[in-house]
N, C-alpha and C. Protein backbone atom coordinates (compact mmCIF):
# COMPACT_ATOMS: atom_id res chain seq x y z
N MET A 1 127.68 60.42 22.07
CA MET A 1 126.24 60.81 22.62
C MET A 1 125.66 61.78 21.31
N ALA A 2 124.49 61.11 21.01
CA ALA A 2 123.57 61.78 20.21
C ALA A 2 124.43 61.76 18.89
N ASN A 3 124.79 62.72 18.55
CA ASN A 3 125.33 63.14 16.69
C ASN A 3 126.57 63.63 17.25
N PHE A 4 126.72 64.06 18.39
CA PHE A 4 128.21 64.81 19.04
C PHE A 4 129.27 64.17 19.62
N LYS A 5 129.33 62.89 19.17
CA LYS A 5 130.42 61.85 20.01
C LYS A 5 131.88 62.74 20.02
N SER A 6 131.74 62.92 18.72
CA SER A 6 133.72 63.29 18.69
C SER A 6 133.88 64.74 18.73
N ARG A 7 133.21 65.35 19.75
CA ARG A 7 132.95 66.74 20.37
C ARG A 7 133.46 66.37 21.77
N SER A 8 134.10 67.71 22.40
CA SER A 8 133.94 67.88 23.33
C SER A 8 132.81 68.00 24.58
N GLU A 9 132.48 67.55 25.58
CA GLU A 9 131.62 67.07 26.54
C GLU A 9 131.13 69.00 26.67
N ALA A 10 131.42 70.17 26.41
CA ALA A 10 131.39 71.43 26.33
C ALA A 10 130.71 71.60 25.42
N GLN A 11 131.46 71.16 23.99
CA GLN A 11 130.45 71.59 22.76
C GLN A 11 129.31 70.72 22.96
N VAL A 12 129.46 69.56 23.05
CA VAL A 12 127.78 68.49 23.24
C VAL A 12 127.01 69.74 23.76
N LEU A 13 127.34 70.32 25.10
CA LEU A 13 126.10 70.70 26.25
C LEU A 13 125.89 71.96 25.29
N GLU A 14 126.98 72.70 25.02
CA GLU A 14 126.52 74.03 24.27
C GLU A 14 125.30 73.63 23.18
N ASN A 15 125.66 72.85 22.07
CA ASN A 15 124.75 72.27 20.95
C ASN A 15 123.75 72.01 21.23
N TYR A 16 123.25 71.44 22.48
CA TYR A 16 121.68 70.42 23.18
C TYR A 16 121.31 71.97 23.49
N ARG A 17 121.86 72.95 24.46
CA ARG A 17 121.52 74.47 25.05
C ARG A 17 120.76 75.23 23.42
N VAL A 18 121.33 75.28 22.69
CA VAL A 18 121.29 76.16 21.56
C VAL A 18 119.79 75.44 21.14
N ALA A 19 119.94 73.91 20.55
CA ALA A 19 118.57 73.43 20.01
C ALA A 19 117.73 73.42 21.04
N LEU A 20 117.78 73.13 22.41
CA LEU A 20 116.49 73.47 22.99
C LEU A 20 115.89 74.57 22.96
N GLU A 21 116.81 75.74 23.32
CA GLU A 21 116.10 77.31 23.19
C GLU A 21 115.64 77.63 21.67
N ASN A 22 116.15 77.37 20.41
CA ASN A 22 115.84 77.63 19.51
C ASN A 22 114.14 76.41 19.01
N VAL A 23 114.25 75.71 19.90
CA VAL A 23 112.93 74.67 19.47
C VAL A 23 111.56 75.67 20.20
N GLU A 24 112.43 76.58 21.12
CA GLU A 24 110.87 77.27 21.93
C GLU A 24 110.96 78.77 21.22
N THR A 25 111.80 79.04 20.70
CA THR A 25 112.20 80.45 20.22
C THR A 25 111.39 80.65 18.52
N GLN A 26 111.23 79.51 18.06
CA GLN A 26 111.12 79.67 16.82
C GLN A 26 110.00 78.86 16.42
N ALA A 27 108.66 79.90 16.57
CA ALA A 27 107.39 79.52 16.34
C ALA A 27 106.96 78.20 15.51
N GLU A 28 107.96 78.18 14.42
CA GLU A 28 107.25 77.57 13.38
C GLU A 28 108.12 75.84 13.86
N ILE A 29 109.33 75.74 13.93
CA ILE A 29 109.54 74.87 14.98
C ILE A 29 108.77 73.93 15.67
N ALA A 30 108.40 74.93 16.61
CA ALA A 30 107.78 74.74 18.09
C ALA A 30 106.51 73.82 17.18
N ALA A 31 105.70 74.40 16.78
CA ALA A 31 104.51 74.05 16.19
C ALA A 31 104.40 72.68 15.43
N THR A 32 105.65 72.56 14.43
CA THR A 32 105.57 71.37 13.91
C THR A 32 105.86 70.14 14.75
N LEU A 33 106.81 70.44 15.83
CA LEU A 33 107.29 69.43 16.40
C LEU A 33 106.45 68.96 17.56
N THR A 34 105.40 69.76 18.00
CA THR A 34 104.56 69.55 18.67
C THR A 34 103.19 68.66 18.14
N GLU A 35 103.24 68.66 16.65
CA GLU A 35 102.32 67.75 16.16
C GLU A 35 103.11 66.46 16.24
N PHE A 36 104.13 66.42 16.61
CA PHE A 36 105.08 65.27 16.53
C PHE A 36 105.35 64.80 17.69
N GLY A 37 104.54 65.38 19.11
CA GLY A 37 104.35 64.99 20.36
C GLY A 37 105.40 65.63 21.36
N TYR A 38 105.77 66.69 20.64
CA TYR A 38 106.89 67.29 21.26
C TYR A 38 106.76 68.95 21.95
N ASP A 39 105.63 68.71 22.80
CA ASP A 39 104.70 70.09 22.99
C ASP A 39 105.79 70.58 24.28
N ASN A 40 105.13 71.66 24.61
CA ASN A 40 105.96 72.67 25.71
C ASN A 40 106.21 71.78 26.78
N THR A 41 105.30 71.19 27.35
CA THR A 41 105.50 70.21 28.41
C THR A 41 106.84 69.20 28.17
N VAL A 42 107.29 68.23 26.96
CA VAL A 42 107.57 67.56 26.65
C VAL A 42 109.32 68.42 26.36
N ILE A 43 109.24 69.48 26.24
CA ILE A 43 110.80 70.26 25.73
C ILE A 43 110.81 71.05 26.92
N ALA A 44 110.06 71.07 28.06
CA ALA A 44 110.50 71.29 29.63
C ALA A 44 111.31 70.19 30.42
N ASN A 45 110.83 69.39 29.81
CA ASN A 45 111.33 68.00 30.62
C ASN A 45 113.04 67.83 29.97
N GLY A 46 113.23 68.01 28.73
CA GLY A 46 114.64 68.27 28.18
C GLY A 46 115.33 69.34 28.57
N LYS A 47 114.83 70.62 28.63
CA LYS A 47 115.32 71.57 29.53
C LYS A 47 115.68 71.41 30.63
N GLN A 48 115.04 70.40 31.62
CA GLN A 48 115.36 70.05 32.63
C GLN A 48 116.69 68.84 33.07
N LEU A 49 116.54 68.28 32.18
CA LEU A 49 117.66 67.46 31.96
C LEU A 49 118.65 67.88 31.32
N TYR A 50 118.82 69.47 30.71
CA TYR A 50 120.02 69.76 30.42
C TYR A 50 120.16 70.66 31.66
N GLU A 51 119.65 71.17 32.46
CA GLU A 51 120.12 71.86 33.59
C GLU A 51 120.92 71.09 34.22
N MET A 52 120.52 70.13 34.67
CA MET A 52 120.66 69.00 35.60
C MET A 52 122.33 68.53 35.35
N ALA A 53 122.04 68.38 33.71
CA ALA A 53 123.67 67.69 33.04
C ALA A 53 124.39 69.33 33.45
N ARG A 54 124.28 70.18 32.99
CA ARG A 54 124.80 71.38 32.90
C ARG A 54 125.61 71.71 34.18
N GLN A 55 124.75 71.40 35.25
CA GLN A 55 125.50 71.60 36.99
C GLN A 55 126.22 70.47 36.82
N ALA A 56 126.32 69.34 36.80
CA ALA A 56 127.08 68.11 36.76
C ALA A 56 128.28 68.47 36.40
N PHE A 57 127.98 68.90 35.30
CA PHE A 57 129.13 69.33 34.22
C PHE A 57 130.37 70.30 34.89
N ASP A 58 129.42 71.44 35.86
CA ASP A 58 130.29 72.23 36.09
C ASP A 58 130.69 72.07 37.63
N ALA A 59 129.79 71.42 38.52
CA ALA A 59 130.58 70.74 39.39
C ALA A 59 131.50 69.76 39.59
N ASN A 60 131.64 68.95 38.12
CA ASN A 60 132.87 68.02 38.06
C ASN A 60 134.04 69.07 37.73
N LYS A 61 133.71 70.11 37.39
CA LYS A 61 134.79 70.87 36.54
C LYS A 61 135.61 71.65 37.75
N THR A 62 134.59 72.05 38.84
CA THR A 62 134.93 72.44 40.13
C THR A 62 135.95 71.55 40.83
N GLU A 63 135.16 70.54 41.34
CA GLU A 63 135.95 69.62 41.83
C GLU A 63 137.17 68.69 41.35
N ASP A 64 137.18 68.76 39.86
CA ASP A 64 138.67 68.45 39.38
C ASP A 64 139.53 69.95 39.39
N GLN A 65 139.40 71.16 39.31
CA GLN A 65 140.36 72.23 39.83
C GLN A 65 140.65 72.03 40.84
N GLU A 66 140.03 71.65 42.05
CA GLU A 66 140.05 71.44 43.96
C GLU A 66 141.02 70.35 43.64
N THR A 67 140.90 69.20 42.98
CA THR A 67 141.83 68.39 43.27
C THR A 67 143.41 68.88 42.86
N ASN A 68 143.39 69.49 41.70
CA ASN A 68 144.47 69.99 40.78
C ASN A 68 145.32 70.52 42.22
N VAL A 69 144.74 71.85 42.86
CA VAL A 69 144.98 72.42 43.78
C VAL A 69 145.86 71.32 44.98
N ALA A 70 144.95 70.60 45.40
CA ALA A 70 145.18 69.88 46.01
C ALA A 70 146.50 69.14 46.10
N TYR A 71 146.58 68.24 44.71
CA TYR A 71 147.68 67.86 44.39
C TYR A 71 149.15 68.37 44.11
N ASP A 72 148.88 69.53 43.91
CA ASP A 72 149.97 70.67 43.74
C ASP A 72 150.24 70.85 45.26
N ALA A 73 149.56 70.64 46.31
CA ALA A 73 150.43 71.21 47.76
C ALA A 73 150.82 70.20 47.73
N PHE A 74 150.15 69.04 47.88
CA PHE A 74 150.79 67.78 48.57
C PHE A 74 152.14 67.24 47.48
N ASP A 75 152.35 67.56 46.42
CA ASP A 75 153.20 67.04 45.70
C ASP A 75 154.99 67.99 45.90
N ARG A 76 153.94 69.33 46.25
CA ARG A 76 155.33 70.40 46.57
C ARG A 76 156.15 69.95 47.78
N GLN A 77 154.79 69.61 48.77
CA GLN A 77 155.50 69.27 50.45
C GLN A 77 156.16 67.66 50.44
N PHE A 78 155.80 66.97 49.38
CA PHE A 78 156.72 65.88 49.69
C PHE A 78 158.27 65.88 49.17
N LYS A 79 158.22 66.83 48.16
CA LYS A 79 159.19 67.06 47.26
C LYS A 79 159.99 67.63 48.33
N LYS A 80 159.56 68.68 49.11
CA LYS A 80 160.51 69.22 50.15
C LYS A 80 160.72 68.09 51.28
N VAL A 81 159.96 67.38 51.51
CA VAL A 81 160.21 66.44 52.90
C VAL A 81 161.51 65.18 52.30
N TYR A 82 161.13 64.84 50.76
CA TYR A 82 161.82 63.97 50.42
C TYR A 82 163.43 64.50 50.34
N GLU A 83 163.38 65.78 49.86
CA GLU A 83 164.68 66.24 49.35
C GLU A 83 165.60 66.86 50.55
N HIS A 84 164.85 66.99 51.99
CA HIS A 84 165.34 67.08 52.69
C HIS A 84 166.15 65.67 53.36
N PHE A 85 165.23 64.68 53.23
CA PHE A 85 165.61 63.09 53.76
C PHE A 85 166.60 62.75 53.38
N VAL A 86 166.80 63.23 51.96
CA VAL A 86 168.05 62.29 51.05
C VAL A 86 169.67 62.95 51.91
N VAL A 87 169.23 64.26 51.90
CA VAL A 87 170.22 65.01 52.40
C VAL A 87 171.07 64.28 53.93
N LEU A 88 169.43 64.30 55.04
CA LEU A 88 170.19 63.68 56.07
C LEU A 88 170.30 62.08 55.52
N ARG A 89 169.88 61.47 55.06
CA ARG A 89 169.93 60.22 54.86
C ARG A 89 171.62 60.44 54.80
N LYS A 90 172.32 60.96 53.62
CA LYS A 90 173.70 61.21 53.23
C LYS A 90 174.71 61.39 54.35
N LYS A 91 174.27 61.91 54.96
CA LYS A 91 174.93 62.74 56.73
C LYS A 91 175.06 61.70 57.16
N LEU A 92 173.87 61.03 57.71
CA LEU A 92 173.63 59.70 58.41
C LEU A 92 174.75 58.48 58.14
N ARG A 93 175.02 58.42 57.00
CA ARG A 93 175.51 57.36 56.55
C ARG A 93 176.94 57.36 56.27
N ILE A 94 177.24 59.22 56.80
CA ILE A 94 178.92 59.32 56.86
C ILE A 94 179.22 59.10 58.06
N ILE A 95 178.41 59.60 59.22
CA ILE A 95 178.79 59.36 60.63
C ILE A 95 178.76 58.17 61.12
N PHE A 96 177.88 57.59 60.20
CA PHE A 96 177.72 55.72 60.96
C PHE A 96 178.15 55.04 60.00
N ARG A 97 179.06 55.16 59.04
CA ARG A 97 179.30 54.35 58.20
C ARG A 97 179.90 53.04 58.60
N ASN A 98 180.58 53.35 59.75
CA ASN A 98 181.21 52.28 60.55
C ASN A 98 180.43 51.34 61.83
N ASP A 99 178.80 51.68 61.47
CA ASP A 99 177.84 51.15 62.54
C ASP A 99 176.98 50.76 62.00
N PRO A 100 176.88 49.91 61.41
CA PRO A 100 175.68 48.75 60.68
C PRO A 100 174.61 48.88 61.54
N VAL A 101 175.07 48.53 62.90
CA VAL A 101 173.56 48.56 63.65
C VAL A 101 172.83 49.31 63.88
N ILE A 102 173.39 51.17 63.75
CA ILE A 102 172.83 52.25 63.89
C ILE A 102 172.05 52.46 62.73
N LEU A 103 172.65 52.15 61.42
CA LEU A 103 172.48 52.35 60.48
C LEU A 103 170.95 52.03 60.15
N LYS A 104 170.89 50.56 60.58
CA LYS A 104 169.83 49.68 60.23
C LYS A 104 168.47 50.16 61.17
N ASN A 105 168.76 50.62 62.28
CA ASN A 105 168.02 51.30 63.67
C ASN A 105 167.26 52.07 62.82
N LEU A 106 168.15 53.29 61.76
CA LEU A 106 167.72 54.54 61.39
C LEU A 106 167.20 53.97 60.26
N GLY A 107 167.22 53.13 59.72
CA GLY A 107 166.51 52.84 58.63
C GLY A 107 167.03 53.31 57.39
N VAL A 108 168.35 53.90 57.45
CA VAL A 108 169.28 54.26 55.84
C VAL A 108 170.19 53.26 55.45
N SER A 109 170.11 52.11 56.13
CA SER A 109 171.48 50.66 55.66
C SER A 109 170.56 50.23 54.31
N ALA A 110 169.22 50.33 54.22
CA ALA A 110 169.12 50.06 52.48
C ALA A 110 168.65 50.93 51.57
N SER A 111 168.03 50.54 50.62
CA SER A 111 167.70 51.59 49.65
C SER A 111 166.80 51.85 50.04
N ILE A 112 166.13 53.18 49.57
CA ILE A 112 164.66 54.07 49.53
C ILE A 112 163.67 53.60 49.00
N PRO A 113 162.67 52.92 49.54
CA PRO A 113 161.56 51.93 48.79
C PRO A 113 160.92 52.75 47.89
N HIS A 114 160.33 52.40 46.92
CA HIS A 114 159.38 52.91 46.03
C HIS A 114 158.28 53.37 45.98
N PRO A 115 157.53 52.63 46.58
CA PRO A 115 156.37 52.95 47.16
C PRO A 115 156.11 53.82 47.74
N TYR A 116 155.04 54.82 47.68
CA TYR A 116 155.12 55.92 48.80
C TYR A 116 154.78 55.67 49.81
N ALA A 117 153.89 54.69 50.46
CA ALA A 117 153.56 54.36 51.62
C ALA A 117 154.70 54.15 52.34
N GLN A 118 155.58 53.27 51.83
CA GLN A 118 156.91 52.52 52.48
C GLN A 118 158.11 53.70 52.72
N LYS A 119 158.24 54.29 51.67
CA LYS A 119 159.01 55.65 51.71
C LYS A 119 158.71 56.32 52.75
N VAL A 120 157.44 56.90 52.96
CA VAL A 120 157.13 57.81 53.83
C VAL A 120 157.54 56.80 55.13
N ALA A 121 157.15 55.96 55.00
CA ALA A 121 157.09 55.05 56.43
C ALA A 121 158.76 55.18 56.79
N THR A 122 159.48 54.83 55.96
CA THR A 122 161.07 54.88 56.09
C THR A 122 161.36 56.32 56.93
N ILE A 123 161.08 57.66 55.95
CA ILE A 123 161.30 58.71 56.63
C ILE A 123 160.59 59.33 57.86
N ARG A 124 159.59 58.76 58.50
CA ARG A 124 159.29 58.60 59.37
C ARG A 124 160.25 57.81 60.54
N THR A 125 160.32 57.04 60.25
CA THR A 125 161.73 56.12 61.05
C THR A 125 162.55 56.21 61.45
N THR A 126 163.14 57.09 60.44
CA THR A 126 164.31 57.77 60.67
C THR A 126 164.39 59.05 61.50
N LEU A 127 163.20 59.71 61.24
CA LEU A 127 163.09 61.30 61.99
C LEU A 127 162.93 60.74 63.39
N GLN A 128 162.19 60.12 63.81
CA GLN A 128 161.50 59.72 65.05
C GLN A 128 162.88 58.91 65.50
N THR A 129 163.38 58.02 65.22
CA THR A 129 164.42 57.24 65.86
C THR A 129 165.43 58.15 66.42
N LEU A 130 166.01 59.60 65.33
CA LEU A 130 166.95 60.19 65.48
C LEU A 130 166.43 61.22 66.60
N ASN A 131 165.23 61.57 66.47
CA ASN A 131 164.74 62.55 67.62
C ASN A 131 164.59 61.96 68.67
N ASN A 132 164.56 60.66 69.02
CA ASN A 132 164.53 59.85 70.38
C ASN A 132 166.12 59.26 70.81
N ASP A 133 167.29 59.71 69.73
CA ASP A 133 168.57 59.17 69.94
C ASP A 133 169.22 60.53 70.43
N THR A 134 169.48 60.89 72.11
CA THR A 134 170.62 61.86 72.44
C THR A 134 171.83 61.62 71.50
N ALA A 135 172.51 61.17 71.95
CA ALA A 135 174.06 60.57 71.49
C ALA A 135 173.68 60.70 69.95
N SER A 136 173.18 60.04 69.45
CA SER A 136 173.58 60.30 67.85
C SER A 136 172.98 61.45 67.56
N MET A 137 172.07 62.20 67.78
CA MET A 137 172.21 63.58 67.28
C MET A 137 173.22 64.39 67.77
N GLN A 138 173.64 64.12 69.08
CA GLN A 138 175.22 65.11 69.46
C GLN A 138 176.04 64.46 68.17
N LYS A 139 176.30 63.24 67.58
CA LYS A 139 177.48 62.88 66.62
C LYS A 139 177.26 63.81 65.35
N MET A 140 175.56 64.03 65.41
CA MET A 140 175.04 64.73 63.89
C MET A 140 175.58 65.68 63.89
N ALA A 141 175.85 66.98 64.91
CA ALA A 141 176.19 68.00 65.01
C ALA A 141 177.29 68.43 64.46
N ALA A 142 178.31 67.49 63.90
CA ALA A 142 179.19 67.70 63.07
C ALA A 142 179.26 67.88 62.01
N LEU A 143 178.04 67.52 61.33
CA LEU A 143 177.78 68.15 60.05
C LEU A 143 176.49 68.76 59.93
N ASN A 144 176.25 69.53 60.98
CA ASN A 144 175.08 71.18 61.23
C ASN A 144 173.71 70.05 61.01
N VAL A 145 173.56 69.40 61.74
CA VAL A 145 172.11 68.36 61.71
C VAL A 145 171.33 68.77 63.39
N THR A 146 170.65 69.38 63.66
CA THR A 146 170.74 69.97 65.01
C THR A 146 169.23 69.50 65.24
N PRO A 147 168.91 69.26 66.76
CA PRO A 147 167.68 68.78 66.92
C PRO A 147 166.24 69.85 66.53
N GLU A 148 166.56 70.87 66.44
CA GLU A 148 165.58 71.95 65.70
C GLU A 148 165.61 71.31 64.04
N ASN A 149 166.30 71.07 63.57
CA ASN A 149 166.31 70.52 62.20
C ASN A 149 165.45 69.32 62.11
N ILE A 150 165.60 68.14 62.93
CA ILE A 150 164.88 66.93 62.95
C ILE A 150 163.10 67.46 63.30
N SER A 151 163.18 68.50 64.17
CA SER A 151 161.39 68.73 64.40
C SER A 151 161.29 69.42 63.66
N THR A 152 161.75 70.40 62.73
CA THR A 152 161.50 70.69 61.99
C THR A 152 160.93 69.82 60.67
N SER A 153 162.00 69.15 60.12
CA SER A 153 161.13 67.75 59.42
C SER A 153 160.31 67.00 59.75
N LEU A 154 159.86 66.25 61.36
CA LEU A 154 159.06 66.29 61.41
C LEU A 154 157.45 66.58 61.63
N SER A 155 157.51 68.29 61.36
CA SER A 155 156.68 68.90 61.39
C SER A 155 156.26 69.00 59.77
N ASP A 156 157.13 69.09 59.27
CA ASP A 156 157.00 69.13 57.49
C ASP A 156 156.40 67.54 57.24
N LEU A 157 156.69 66.39 57.76
CA LEU A 157 156.28 65.52 57.59
C LEU A 157 154.85 65.17 57.77
N GLU A 158 154.22 65.96 59.28
CA GLU A 158 152.95 66.09 59.93
C GLU A 158 152.14 66.75 58.73
N GLN A 159 152.96 67.72 58.50
CA GLN A 159 152.09 68.91 57.48
C GLN A 159 151.61 67.90 55.79
N LEU A 160 152.66 66.99 55.24
CA LEU A 160 152.44 66.37 54.35
C LEU A 160 151.35 65.42 54.49
N ASP A 161 150.94 64.50 55.51
CA ASP A 161 150.04 63.60 56.20
C ASP A 161 148.74 64.70 55.93
N LYS A 162 148.56 65.53 56.41
CA LYS A 162 147.55 66.30 56.04
C LYS A 162 147.10 66.99 54.59
N LEU A 163 148.25 67.01 54.07
CA LEU A 163 147.99 67.23 52.63
C LEU A 163 147.53 66.21 51.36
N ARG A 164 147.93 65.05 52.21
CA ARG A 164 147.78 63.95 51.23
C ARG A 164 146.44 63.23 51.40
N ALA A 165 145.90 63.75 52.91
CA ALA A 165 144.66 63.15 53.35
C ALA A 165 143.41 64.40 52.64
N THR A 166 143.96 65.84 52.49
CA THR A 166 143.02 66.40 51.41
C THR A 166 143.10 66.10 49.93
N TYR A 167 144.12 65.68 49.42
CA TYR A 167 144.06 65.73 48.17
C TYR A 167 143.63 63.96 48.08
N LEU A 168 143.29 63.34 48.77
CA LEU A 168 142.85 61.86 48.52
C LEU A 168 141.35 62.27 48.81
N ARG A 169 140.92 62.81 49.47
CA ARG A 169 139.54 63.23 49.84
C ARG A 169 139.14 64.11 48.41
N GLU A 170 139.74 65.12 48.10
CA GLU A 170 139.48 65.83 46.88
C GLU A 170 139.11 64.92 45.71
N LYS A 171 140.07 63.83 45.99
CA LYS A 171 140.24 62.73 44.49
C LYS A 171 139.07 62.28 44.31
N GLY A 172 138.62 61.97 45.84
CA GLY A 172 137.25 61.18 45.99
C GLY A 172 135.83 61.46 45.21
N GLU A 173 136.12 63.29 45.94
CA GLU A 173 134.82 64.14 45.38
C GLU A 173 135.05 64.33 43.78
N SER A 174 135.80 64.38 43.74
CA SER A 174 135.96 64.33 42.02
C SER A 174 135.75 63.24 41.09
N GLN A 175 136.06 61.96 41.49
CA GLN A 175 135.55 60.91 41.04
C GLN A 175 134.06 60.84 40.98
N ALA A 176 133.48 61.04 42.04
CA ALA A 176 131.66 60.77 42.57
C ALA A 176 131.14 62.21 41.25
N ALA A 177 132.25 63.09 41.45
CA ALA A 177 131.61 64.65 40.51
C ALA A 177 131.73 63.83 39.36
N THR A 178 132.42 62.81 38.75
CA THR A 178 132.90 62.64 37.52
C THR A 178 131.50 61.68 36.80
N MET A 179 131.12 60.45 38.01
CA MET A 179 130.27 59.68 37.66
C MET A 179 129.02 60.82 37.75
N ALA A 180 128.48 61.65 38.22
CA ALA A 180 127.31 62.16 38.39
C ALA A 180 127.03 62.68 37.13
N LYS A 181 128.42 63.38 36.90
CA LYS A 181 127.91 64.22 35.54
C LYS A 181 128.03 62.94 34.31
N ASP A 182 128.49 62.03 34.06
CA ASP A 182 128.27 61.19 33.00
C ASP A 182 127.07 60.73 32.90
N SER A 183 126.76 60.07 34.35
CA SER A 183 124.84 59.47 34.51
C SER A 183 124.49 60.77 33.95
N ALA A 184 124.23 61.93 34.76
CA ALA A 184 123.36 63.00 33.76
C ALA A 184 123.51 63.64 32.26
N LEU A 185 124.83 63.36 31.45
CA LEU A 185 125.03 63.82 30.17
C LEU A 185 124.07 62.66 29.33
N GLY A 186 124.60 61.05 29.98
CA GLY A 186 123.72 60.06 29.52
C GLY A 186 122.42 60.34 29.39
N ASP A 187 121.70 60.51 30.51
CA ASP A 187 120.17 60.71 30.66
C ASP A 187 120.05 62.06 29.51
N LEU A 188 120.73 63.03 29.39
CA LEU A 188 120.25 63.93 28.65
C LEU A 188 120.47 63.74 26.62
N GLY A 189 121.47 62.73 27.02
CA GLY A 189 122.06 62.21 25.15
C GLY A 189 120.63 61.44 24.89
N ILE A 190 120.16 60.65 25.65
CA ILE A 190 119.49 59.77 25.53
C ILE A 190 118.22 60.26 24.83
N TRP A 191 117.96 61.43 25.90
CA TRP A 191 116.59 62.27 25.37
C TRP A 191 116.83 63.33 24.33
N MET A 192 118.09 63.84 24.11
CA MET A 192 118.41 64.38 23.03
C MET A 192 118.33 63.63 21.17
N ARG A 193 119.07 62.67 21.65
CA ARG A 193 119.19 61.23 20.60
C ARG A 193 117.67 61.67 20.05
N ASP A 194 116.91 61.16 20.51
CA ASP A 194 115.31 60.56 20.26
C ASP A 194 114.67 61.91 19.90
N PHE A 195 115.14 63.13 20.28
CA PHE A 195 114.38 64.12 19.77
C PHE A 195 114.67 64.85 18.34
N LEU A 196 116.20 64.75 18.42
CA LEU A 196 116.53 64.95 17.08
C LEU A 196 116.05 64.29 16.12
N ASP A 197 116.04 62.92 16.38
CA ASP A 197 115.45 61.89 15.53
C ASP A 197 114.25 62.30 14.96
N VAL A 198 113.26 62.48 15.80
CA VAL A 198 112.02 63.14 15.38
C VAL A 198 112.10 64.57 14.71
N ALA A 199 112.66 65.27 15.04
CA ALA A 199 113.32 66.49 14.28
C ALA A 199 113.37 66.22 13.21
N ARG A 200 114.42 65.45 12.88
CA ARG A 200 114.71 65.39 11.22
C ARG A 200 113.63 64.81 10.28
N ILE A 201 112.74 64.30 11.00
CA ILE A 201 111.51 63.74 10.06
C ILE A 201 110.73 64.87 10.40
N ALA A 202 110.03 65.46 11.30
CA ALA A 202 109.28 66.31 10.98
C ALA A 202 109.89 67.60 10.45
N LEU A 203 111.22 67.65 10.54
CA LEU A 203 111.78 69.46 9.47
C LEU A 203 112.67 68.93 8.31
N GLU A 204 112.03 67.61 7.92
CA GLU A 204 112.98 66.98 6.97
C GLU A 204 112.79 68.00 5.62
N ASP A 205 112.12 68.49 5.29
CA ASP A 205 111.56 69.67 4.03
C ASP A 205 111.98 70.90 4.64
N ASN A 206 112.38 70.75 5.55
CA ASN A 206 112.91 72.46 6.11
C ASN A 206 114.57 72.42 6.43
N PRO A 207 115.32 72.45 5.75
CA PRO A 207 117.13 71.90 6.15
C PRO A 207 117.56 73.14 7.17
N GLN A 208 116.69 74.25 6.60
CA GLN A 208 117.14 75.65 7.71
C GLN A 208 116.89 75.80 9.21
N LEU A 209 115.63 74.99 9.26
CA LEU A 209 115.26 75.22 10.45
C LEU A 209 116.10 73.68 11.29
N LEU A 210 116.48 72.32 10.37
CA LEU A 210 116.87 71.31 11.34
C LEU A 210 118.22 72.05 11.44
N GLU A 211 118.77 72.97 10.88
CA GLU A 211 120.43 73.38 11.08
C GLU A 211 119.96 74.31 12.39
N SER A 212 119.19 74.97 12.59
CA SER A 212 118.98 75.73 13.76
C SER A 212 119.03 74.90 15.19
N LEU A 213 118.94 73.68 14.95
CA LEU A 213 118.65 72.96 15.73
C LEU A 213 119.99 72.23 16.28
N ASN A 214 121.03 72.64 15.38
CA ASN A 214 122.38 71.96 15.46
C ASN A 214 122.10 70.36 14.57
N VAL A 215 121.24 70.13 13.51
CA VAL A 215 121.64 69.14 13.06
C VAL A 215 122.03 69.12 11.98
N LEU A 216 123.20 68.50 11.53
CA LEU A 216 123.84 68.37 10.22
C LEU A 216 122.92 68.35 8.86
N VAL A 217 122.76 69.00 7.91
CA VAL A 217 121.95 68.43 7.01
C VAL A 217 122.98 68.33 5.75
N ARG A 218 122.99 67.31 4.92
CA ARG A 218 123.83 66.76 4.09
C ARG A 218 123.53 67.19 3.07
N ASN A 219 124.16 67.67 1.70
CA ASN A 219 123.32 67.94 0.20
C ASN A 219 123.36 66.47 -0.31
């Protein structure tokens, strides 16, 4: 982006802000650049592009923060649900170790799948099946597993679904905000590139004024 590719977007925006502000506040720069086609009206266009980019940048940052918060809540809930399930699964495999049919119906005879959707589907199958099987629940009492425990786990799973939906929504909004920010920064970068190229020509005999526009002047 113009001459600031190696710098962060925040620093790029700050450099552009200073340049656009100084071209208006320093009369000599304004007068010289007016002769090269960059009068107040043209500079106003650049400032408008800057404001759009600034707003898009800030909005993207906000969306990223909201996504991080949503993911943290989802991740903590998933760990809670999964850890409880792992303990329950071990107890089920002890109580029903001699009944492979029940183990299969409960979804605990095979290894736990790795993909998220399949893993949660397995957890849901186990909890719902056990919740509807009074006889199995009575046997699980031997290891202190109660209907209330399963009901709580099902509620936790429902909350997990909601938190994941929230996270995915925030993620989508963040991605859209990133695209909008990139587009706005791109438009501003093109305008600033042309502006600074002209400024180098217009102010080549006055390096101090060039530096006030954040243009590096080589000795």
